[in-house]
Amino acid sequence: MNAETLEVLDRCRRAWVVLSRRGGRLHVEALDPQRLPPDLFADLADHKAAVLAAVDYMAEADALLLESTRALGGVWPDGCELDAEWDRLEAAVTDAYWSFGLGRLRTALGARDAHALGLFDHYRTR
């Protein structure tokens, strides 16, 4: 992902613009049209292919995050607290997400989830 495309995506976020794919088209939803920068649509058109690739990546990455969160939430023991290692691994997941690499994200989620499951097992047996 190049820096210009990341800047366009960040401008969308700051302007409360939600991007999605509808077939081969980029769908743009302005949650607050008054926040729209006047040149945002031109920038989106200039970077359409890269923005669509980012939208596709984020949809798949979000699905991985949701799957992981649901799996951990389903087995999280009441009262079990996480630790500093969890915080480090959570930061690694965030970094992996924004690297736009699904393999890196899967690896980071696997490490985070394995650590959490180990904490859960230890909590249950103490």
Protein backbone atom coordinates (compact mmCIF):
# COMPACT_ATOMS: atom_id res chain seq x y z
CA MET A 1 0.00 0.00 0.00
CA ASN A 2 1.57 3.28 -1.03
CA ALA A 3 1.63 6.41 1.10
CA GLU A 4 -0.75 8.36 -1.16
CA THR A 5 -3.43 5.68 -0.92
CA LEU A 6 -3.00 5.49 2.85
CA GLU A 7 -3.46 9.26 3.01
CA VAL A 8 -6.68 9.04 0.97
CA LEU A 9 -7.96 6.31 3.30
CA ASP A 10 -7.05 8.41 6.33
CA ARG A 11 -8.83 11.44 4.85
CA CYS A 12 -11.93 9.27 4.43
CA ARG A 13 -11.73 8.16 8.05
CA ARG A 14 -11.35 11.72 9.30
CA ALA A 15 -14.30 12.84 7.13
CA TRP A 16 -16.47 9.96 8.41
CA VAL A 17 -16.64 8.35 4.98
CA VAL A 18 -17.32 4.62 4.80
CA LEU A 19 -15.92 2.82 1.75
CA SER A 20 -17.11 -0.52 0.43
CA ARG A 21 -17.14 -2.52 -2.77
CA ARG A 22 -20.27 -3.07 -4.81
CA GLY A 23 -19.24 -5.34 -7.65
CA GLY A 24 -16.42 -3.57 -9.45
CA ARG A 25 -17.45 -0.20 -8.11
CA LEU A 26 -16.29 1.74 -5.09
CA HIS A 27 -19.24 2.73 -2.90
CA VAL A 28 -18.74 5.89 -0.86
CA GLU A 29 -21.04 6.69 2.06
CA ALA A 30 -20.60 10.04 3.78
CA LEU A 31 -21.91 9.73 7.34
CA ASP A 32 -21.76 13.53 7.64
CA PRO A 33 -21.76 15.17 4.20
CA GLN A 34 -20.72 18.49 5.74
CA ARG A 35 -17.36 16.97 6.65
CA LEU A 36 -16.53 15.98 3.04
CA PRO A 37 -13.39 17.65 1.71
CA PRO A 38 -14.17 19.09 -1.73
CA ASP A 39 -11.42 17.14 -3.51
CA LEU A 40 -11.98 13.76 -1.82
CA PHE A 41 -13.95 12.24 -4.70
CA ALA A 42 -11.23 13.22 -7.18
CA ASP A 43 -8.59 11.62 -4.94
CA LEU A 44 -10.69 8.47 -4.63
CA ALA A 45 -11.04 8.31 -8.42
CA ASP A 46 -7.28 8.80 -8.89
CA HIS A 47 -6.52 5.93 -6.50
CA LYS A 48 -9.56 3.75 -7.19
CA ALA A 49 -7.73 0.47 -7.88
CA ALA A 50 -5.56 0.76 -4.75
CA VAL A 51 -8.51 1.89 -2.62
CA LEU A 52 -10.58 -1.07 -3.81
CA ALA A 53 -7.68 -3.40 -2.97
CA ALA A 54 -7.52 -1.84 0.50
CA VAL A 55 -11.30 -2.20 0.95
CA ASP A 56 -11.05 -5.87 -0.05
CA TYR A 57 -8.14 -6.45 2.32
CA MET A 58 -9.89 -4.72 5.22
CA ALA A 59 -13.06 -6.77 4.69
CA GLU A 60 -11.05 -10.00 4.90
CA ALA A 61 -8.91 -8.75 7.78
CA ASP A 62 -12.00 -7.61 9.69
CA ALA A 63 -13.53 -11.06 9.22
CA LEU A 64 -10.38 -12.65 10.68
CA LEU A 65 -10.46 -10.28 13.66
CA LEU A 66 -14.14 -10.94 14.26
CA GLU A 67 -13.65 -14.71 14.07
CA SER A 68 -10.78 -14.53 16.56
CA THR A 69 -12.70 -12.26 18.92
CA ARG A 70 -15.76 -14.49 18.88
CA ALA A 71 -13.65 -17.60 19.48
CA LEU A 72 -11.87 -16.04 22.48
CA GLY A 73 -15.08 -14.51 23.81
CA GLY A 74 -16.76 -17.89 23.73
CA VAL A 75 -14.21 -19.47 26.07
CA TRP A 76 -13.12 -16.49 28.19
CA PRO A 77 -13.52 -17.43 31.86
CA ASP A 78 -15.42 -14.92 33.98
CA GLY A 79 -12.99 -12.82 35.99
CA CYS A 80 -9.90 -13.78 33.99
CA GLU A 81 -7.70 -10.76 33.39
CA LEU A 82 -5.09 -10.39 30.69
CA ASP A 83 -1.48 -9.39 31.15
CA ALA A 84 1.23 -7.18 29.68
CA GLU A 85 2.12 -9.89 27.15
CA TRP A 86 -1.47 -9.73 25.87
CA ASP A 87 -1.06 -5.96 25.46
CA ARG A 88 2.14 -6.50 23.47
CA LEU A 89 0.52 -9.15 21.28
CA GLU A 90 -2.56 -6.96 20.78
CA ALA A 91 -0.29 -4.14 19.58
CA ALA A 92 1.35 -6.62 17.19
CA VAL A 93 -2.10 -7.50 15.82
CA THR A 94 -2.80 -3.81 15.22
CA ASP A 95 0.54 -3.36 13.46
CA ALA A 96 -0.09 -6.46 11.37
CA TYR A 97 -3.56 -5.23 10.39
CA TRP A 98 -2.17 -1.94 9.09
CA SER A 99 0.66 -3.71 7.25
CA PHE A 100 -2.00 -4.88 4.76
CA GLY A 101 -0.58 -8.39 4.90
CA LEU A 102 -3.07 -11.17 5.64
CA GLY A 103 -0.31 -13.67 6.39
CA ARG A 104 1.25 -11.36 8.93
CA LEU A 105 -2.18 -10.72 10.48
CA ARG A 106 -2.94 -14.44 10.73
CA THR A 107 0.41 -15.03 12.44
CA ALA A 108 -0.16 -12.20 14.92
CA LEU A 109 -3.69 -13.37 15.70
CA GLY A 110 -2.44 -16.93 16.18
CA ALA A 111 0.18 -15.79 18.69
CA ARG A 112 -2.28 -13.55 20.54
CA ASP A 113 -4.97 -16.21 20.66
CA ALA A 114 -2.57 -18.95 21.79
CA HIS A 115 -1.37 -16.72 24.62
CA ALA A 116 -4.93 -15.89 25.68
CA LEU A 117 -5.95 -19.56 25.63
CA GLY A 118 -2.93 -20.38 27.79
CA LEU A 119 -3.96 -17.69 30.27
CA PHE A 120 -7.51 -19.04 30.29
CA ASP A 121 -6.29 -22.58 30.98
CA HIS A 122 -4.03 -21.38 33.78
CA TYR A 123 -6.87 -19.35 35.30
CA ARG A 124 -9.22 -22.33 35.26
CA THR A 125 -6.72 -24.65 36.94
CA ARG A 126 -5.55 -22.39 39.74
